[in-house]
Amino acid sequence: MSPDADPFESPKLLLDGARHDIKNFDVESRVFLDSCFGVPSQKIDRKTGENVVKYHVPQRMPGHLRVLASNAVNNLRHTLDQAVNCAAVGLGGKRDNYFPFAKDATDIDRIIKDNCKSVRADLLPTLKGFQPYGGGDDVLYSLSRIAGPNKHQLVLKTNLDLTHLVLNDLASEIRGPSSVGLMHWGSKKQEFEFARIGSSGYIKCNPKAKLPLSISLGDSKISSSEPATTFLETLASKVDGILGALEADTERLSHLSPTAGKR
C-alpha cells in the first residue's frame, strides 16, 4: 500500500455508495408518490344497508425502489465490517472480523469475542461503546435485522398519513344520513374506508384524490416508524460516526505499544 493511501478507503467508498443509493431512492420515491392518487369505490353493506365508500391507490411501487434501498442497507452493513477490519489491520491484526451486533447487552461480550478475533483489546471498548445491540442503540441494531438473512426480501410499504387527510380533497358534497371517518389504512391493498352513507344519503367523491402518502422500510417498529429516506439517512449518519471514531482510535492507538492491546 502506498504511504499516501487511505487505510480506511474501502469503508468510505461503501458509505459513499450507500449515500448515493439513498439519494436516488429519495428522488425516485418522490416521483412515484407524486404520481399516486386515490380512486373511490362504493359498495352496499348488506347487513346495514349503508353505502360504504373506500379510496384505493392503484399505482404499485416500482421494484427498483426496493433494489436501491437494499443496496443502501447492504453497503451500510458492509461499511461497518470493513471499518472494523481496517482498524484491526492498522493495529497489526488480520481481516477476519465482523462488526459485533448482539441480541442484547448480556450477549455483547460473547459476540465481540467471536466476531472480533484479531481486534486489539484496547479498541474493544470503542466497539462496545457503540451499543450495537437490542436495548442499546436500537436504530443501529435494526440495521443488523434488515440486512440479515432476509435482506433480499426487503419490505417497502406505502403508508397514508390519516392525520393530514383533507375532507374536501375526498368529497365535494355529502347529503343525508352519513358517517365520515378516516379508517385504518391497509398497506397491502393500499386502501382505506372513508365514509358510510345511509340509504337516503348521497356523496360526490373526487375521482382522483391526492393523498398524503409516504414509503417506509421494513416490518420492525423502529424502521417503519418514519419515511424510508429519513431512516436510511439516520443510519448513514450513525455509520459515518462509527467509521470516524474507529479511524480516530486506530490512529491514536497506533502510537502506543502493541503489548498494550494484548488480551
Protein backbone atom coordinates (compact mmCIF):
# COMPACT_ATOMS: atom_id res chain seq x y z
CA MET A 1 0.00 0.00 0.00
CA SER A 2 1.27 3.44 -0.88
CA PRO A 3 2.25 5.58 2.12
CA ASP A 4 -0.26 8.15 0.89
CA ALA A 5 -3.11 5.65 0.60
CA ASP A 6 -6.05 6.00 2.97
CA PRO A 7 -6.20 2.79 5.08
CA PHE A 8 -9.94 3.35 5.54
CA GLU A 9 -10.62 3.98 1.86
CA SER A 10 -12.71 0.82 1.34
CA PRO A 11 -15.38 1.50 4.01
CA LYS A 12 -15.52 5.15 2.96
CA LEU A 13 -16.27 4.13 -0.63
CA LEU A 14 -19.01 1.78 0.56
CA LEU A 15 -20.53 4.56 2.65
CA ASP A 16 -20.42 6.91 -0.34
CA GLY A 17 -22.17 4.22 -2.40
CA ALA A 18 -24.87 3.86 0.23
CA ARG A 19 -25.47 7.61 0.30
CA HIS A 20 -25.66 7.70 -3.49
CA ASP A 21 -28.35 4.99 -3.43
CA ILE A 22 -30.24 6.79 -0.65
CA LYS A 23 -30.24 10.00 -2.70
CA ASN A 24 -31.53 8.16 -5.78
CA PHE A 25 -34.11 6.36 -3.65
CA ASP A 26 -35.36 9.69 -2.34
CA VAL A 27 -35.67 11.18 -5.83
CA GLU A 28 -37.37 8.14 -7.36
CA SER A 29 -39.71 7.60 -4.42
CA ARG A 30 -40.86 11.23 -4.66
CA VAL A 31 -41.56 10.78 -8.37
CA PHE A 32 -43.59 7.66 -7.62
CA LEU A 33 -45.56 9.23 -4.76
CA ASP A 34 -46.32 12.31 -6.87
CA SER A 35 -47.87 10.01 -9.48
CA CYS A 36 -50.17 8.32 -6.97
CA PHE A 37 -53.82 9.23 -6.43
CA GLY A 38 -56.81 7.74 -4.69
CA VAL A 39 -59.73 6.27 -6.65
CA PRO A 40 -63.10 5.96 -4.87
CA SER A 41 -65.29 2.89 -4.84
CA GLN A 42 -68.73 2.31 -3.35
CA LYS A 43 -70.35 -0.90 -2.17
CA ILE A 44 -73.53 -1.61 -0.22
CA ASP A 45 -73.09 -3.26 3.17
CA ARG A 46 -75.78 -5.97 3.12
CA LYS A 47 -76.03 -6.03 6.90
CA THR A 48 -76.61 -2.31 7.43
CA GLY A 49 -77.81 -1.15 4.02
CA GLU A 50 -75.18 1.60 4.08
CA ASN A 51 -73.16 2.65 1.06
CA VAL A 52 -69.51 2.02 2.07
CA VAL A 53 -67.12 4.44 0.39
CA LYS A 54 -63.45 3.49 0.09
CA TYR A 55 -60.41 5.03 -1.56
CA HIS A 56 -57.85 2.81 -3.26
CA VAL A 57 -54.42 3.71 -4.65
CA PRO A 58 -53.98 1.65 -7.86
CA GLN A 59 -50.34 2.57 -8.52
CA ARG A 60 -47.87 -0.14 -7.44
CA MET A 61 -44.44 0.66 -6.10
CA PRO A 62 -41.62 0.20 -8.67
CA GLY A 63 -39.39 -2.76 -7.84
CA HIS A 64 -36.31 -0.63 -8.44
CA LEU A 65 -37.02 1.25 -5.22
CA ARG A 66 -36.52 -1.96 -3.26
CA VAL A 67 -33.24 -2.56 -5.12
CA LEU A 68 -31.96 0.91 -4.18
CA ALA A 69 -32.98 0.51 -0.54
CA SER A 70 -31.43 -2.96 -0.38
CA ASN A 71 -28.18 -1.71 -1.88
CA ALA A 72 -28.03 1.12 0.64
CA VAL A 73 -28.71 -1.18 3.60
CA ASN A 74 -26.16 -3.75 2.47
CA ASN A 75 -23.46 -1.14 1.81
CA LEU A 76 -24.01 0.38 5.25
CA ARG A 77 -23.70 -3.05 6.86
CA HIS A 78 -20.54 -3.85 4.87
CA THR A 79 -19.11 -0.44 5.76
CA LEU A 80 -19.14 -1.43 9.43
CA ASP A 81 -17.44 -4.78 8.79
CA GLN A 82 -14.82 -3.13 6.60
CA ALA A 83 -14.19 -0.42 9.18
CA VAL A 84 -13.56 -2.99 11.92
CA ASN A 85 -11.14 -4.86 9.66
CA CYS A 86 -9.31 -1.70 8.65
CA ALA A 87 -8.90 -0.84 12.32
CA ALA A 88 -7.67 -4.35 13.10
CA VAL A 89 -5.12 -4.32 10.28
CA GLY A 90 -3.99 -0.83 11.21
CA LEU A 91 -3.12 -2.15 14.67
CA GLY A 92 -1.37 -5.31 13.47
CA GLY A 93 -4.33 -7.69 13.21
CA LYS A 94 -5.96 -9.62 10.36
CA ARG A 95 -9.06 -9.20 8.21
CA ASP A 96 -11.10 -11.86 9.97
CA ASN A 97 -13.53 -9.67 11.91
CA TYR A 98 -17.15 -8.55 11.78
CA PHE A 99 -18.97 -5.65 13.37
CA PRO A 100 -20.34 -7.05 16.67
CA PHE A 101 -24.12 -6.86 16.58
CA ALA A 102 -25.60 -8.65 19.61
CA LYS A 103 -29.10 -9.60 20.69
CA ASP A 104 -28.84 -7.62 23.93
CA ALA A 105 -26.32 -6.17 26.40
CA THR A 106 -25.78 -9.53 28.12
CA ASP A 107 -24.60 -11.05 24.83
CA ILE A 108 -22.26 -8.30 23.57
CA ASP A 109 -19.08 -9.60 25.22
CA ARG A 110 -19.52 -13.06 23.68
CA ILE A 111 -20.26 -11.59 20.25
CA ILE A 112 -17.17 -9.38 20.42
CA LYS A 113 -15.04 -12.36 21.39
CA ASP A 114 -16.41 -14.45 18.50
CA ASN A 115 -16.52 -11.74 15.81
CA CYS A 116 -13.52 -9.56 16.61
CA LYS A 117 -10.80 -12.18 16.94
CA SER A 118 -7.86 -10.05 15.79
CA VAL A 119 -9.00 -6.63 17.00
CA ARG A 120 -6.63 -5.25 19.61
CA ALA A 121 -8.07 -5.34 23.12
CA ASP A 122 -7.66 -1.61 23.66
CA LEU A 123 -10.03 -0.96 20.72
CA LEU A 124 -12.79 -3.20 22.06
CA PRO A 125 -14.20 -0.60 24.49
CA THR A 126 -14.83 1.65 21.49
CA LEU A 127 -16.78 -1.09 19.74
CA LYS A 128 -18.77 -1.89 22.85
CA GLY A 129 -19.46 1.81 23.38
CA PHE A 130 -21.48 1.96 20.17
CA GLN A 131 -24.08 -0.22 21.98
CA PRO A 132 -24.83 -2.31 18.86
CA TYR A 133 -27.50 -4.44 20.49
CA GLY A 134 -31.19 -4.54 21.27
CA GLY A 135 -31.95 -2.17 24.13
CA GLY A 136 -28.80 -0.18 23.39
CA ASP A 137 -28.73 1.79 20.15
CA ASP A 138 -31.90 0.29 18.72
CA VAL A 139 -31.69 2.26 15.47
CA LEU A 140 -28.17 0.93 14.84
CA TYR A 141 -29.21 -2.57 15.90
CA SER A 142 -32.10 -2.51 13.43
CA LEU A 143 -29.51 -2.44 10.63
CA SER A 144 -28.42 -5.95 11.57
CA ARG A 145 -32.02 -7.15 11.31
CA ILE A 146 -32.95 -5.63 7.96
CA ALA A 147 -29.54 -6.60 6.48
CA GLY A 148 -29.81 -10.14 7.82
CA PRO A 149 -30.80 -13.41 6.13
CA ASN A 150 -33.92 -11.89 4.55
CA LYS A 151 -32.20 -8.81 3.13
CA HIS A 152 -33.17 -9.75 -0.44
CA GLN A 153 -36.82 -9.68 0.62
CA LEU A 154 -36.57 -6.14 1.97
CA VAL A 155 -40.06 -4.78 2.57
CA LEU A 156 -41.16 -1.35 1.44
CA LYS A 157 -44.66 -0.17 2.32
CA THR A 158 -46.81 2.67 1.08
CA ASN A 159 -48.29 4.50 4.07
CA LEU A 160 -51.02 7.08 4.44
CA ASP A 161 -50.90 9.89 6.99
CA LEU A 162 -54.52 9.86 8.13
CA THR A 163 -53.98 12.95 10.29
CA HIS A 164 -53.28 15.10 7.23
CA LEU A 165 -56.16 13.99 5.04
CA VAL A 166 -58.44 16.86 4.00
CA LEU A 167 -62.16 16.08 3.75
CA ASN A 168 -62.72 18.44 0.80
CA ASP A 169 -59.99 16.61 -1.16
CA LEU A 170 -62.04 13.42 -0.97
CA ALA A 171 -65.65 14.55 -1.39
CA SER A 172 -67.17 17.80 -2.58
CA GLU A 173 -70.68 17.03 -1.39
CA ILE A 174 -72.29 14.79 1.24
CA ARG A 175 -76.05 14.82 1.90
CA GLY A 176 -78.36 12.88 4.14
CA PRO A 177 -77.53 10.40 6.90
CA SER A 178 -73.85 9.57 6.89
CA SER A 179 -70.82 8.86 9.00
CA VAL A 180 -67.42 10.05 7.87
CA GLY A 181 -64.28 8.67 9.44
CA LEU A 182 -60.80 8.03 8.17
CA MET A 183 -60.44 4.36 8.94
CA HIS A 184 -57.33 2.22 9.09
CA TRP A 185 -55.06 2.31 6.05
CA GLY A 186 -54.26 -1.14 4.64
CA SER A 187 -50.77 -1.09 3.10
CA LYS A 188 -51.24 -4.43 1.34
CA LYS A 189 -54.38 -3.39 -0.53
CA GLN A 190 -53.46 0.32 -0.44
CA GLU A 191 -56.96 1.39 0.56
CA PHE A 192 -58.99 2.84 3.42
CA GLU A 193 -62.64 3.28 4.29
CA PHE A 194 -63.72 6.89 4.12
CA ALA A 195 -67.46 7.10 4.72
CA ARG A 196 -70.74 5.24 5.22
CA ILE A 197 -73.76 6.82 3.59
CA GLY A 198 -77.34 5.97 4.63
CA SER A 199 -79.81 4.60 2.07
CA SER A 200 -81.34 8.05 1.55
CA GLY A 201 -78.00 9.85 1.51
CA TYR A 202 -75.71 10.99 -1.28
CA ILE A 203 -71.97 11.57 -1.74
CA LYS A 204 -69.99 13.11 -4.59
CA CYS A 205 -66.39 11.84 -4.47
CA ASN A 206 -63.29 13.23 -6.09
CA PRO A 207 -62.46 10.75 -8.89
CA LYS A 208 -58.70 11.32 -8.42
CA ALA A 209 -57.89 12.40 -4.87
CA LYS A 210 -54.39 13.49 -3.89
CA LEU A 211 -53.34 11.70 -0.71
CA PRO A 212 -50.52 12.35 1.83
CA LEU A 213 -48.53 9.17 1.12
CA SER A 214 -45.07 8.06 2.19
CA ILE A 215 -42.88 4.94 1.96
CA SER A 216 -41.49 3.13 4.99
CA LEU A 217 -38.82 0.47 5.31
CA GLY A 218 -39.18 -2.99 6.84
CA ASP A 219 -41.55 -4.52 9.34
CA SER A 220 -39.79 -3.53 12.57
CA LYS A 221 -41.37 -0.87 14.77
CA ILE A 222 -38.24 1.30 14.53
CA SER A 223 -37.56 1.20 10.79
CA SER A 224 -41.23 1.55 9.83
CA SER A 225 -41.95 4.47 12.15
CA GLU A 226 -40.74 7.15 9.71
CA PRO A 227 -40.25 7.64 5.96
CA ALA A 228 -37.66 5.27 4.50
CA THR A 229 -35.41 8.07 3.26
CA THR A 230 -35.28 9.64 6.73
CA PHE A 231 -34.50 6.31 8.36
CA LEU A 232 -31.77 5.45 5.83
CA GLU A 233 -30.18 8.89 6.23
CA THR A 234 -30.17 8.43 10.02
CA LEU A 235 -28.47 5.04 9.62
CA ALA A 236 -25.89 6.52 7.23
CA SER A 237 -25.06 9.25 9.76
CA LYS A 238 -24.60 6.65 12.51
CA VAL A 239 -22.35 4.52 10.32
CA ASP A 240 -20.35 7.60 9.36
CA GLY A 241 -19.86 8.43 13.05
CA ILE A 242 -18.72 4.89 13.83
CA LEU A 243 -16.32 4.90 10.90
CA GLY A 244 -14.84 8.21 12.03
CA ALA A 245 -14.47 7.01 15.62
CA LEU A 246 -12.71 3.79 14.59
CA GLU A 247 -10.38 5.69 12.29
CA ALA A 248 -9.50 8.19 15.02
CA ASP A 249 -8.94 5.50 17.66
CA THR A 250 -6.82 3.44 15.28
CA GLU A 251 -4.60 6.45 14.69
CA ARG A 252 -4.36 7.15 18.42
CA LEU A 253 -3.66 3.56 19.44
CA SER A 254 -1.13 3.01 16.67
CA HIS A 255 1.32 5.19 18.62
CA LEU A 256 1.04 3.00 21.69
CA SER A 257 2.97 -0.19 22.33
CA PRO A 258 1.28 -3.23 20.73
CA THR A 259 1.62 -5.03 24.05
CA ALA A 260 -0.94 -2.60 25.46
CA GLY A 261 -3.53 -4.19 23.24
CA LYS A 262 -2.88 -7.83 24.02
CA ARG A 263 -5.70 -9.83 25.56
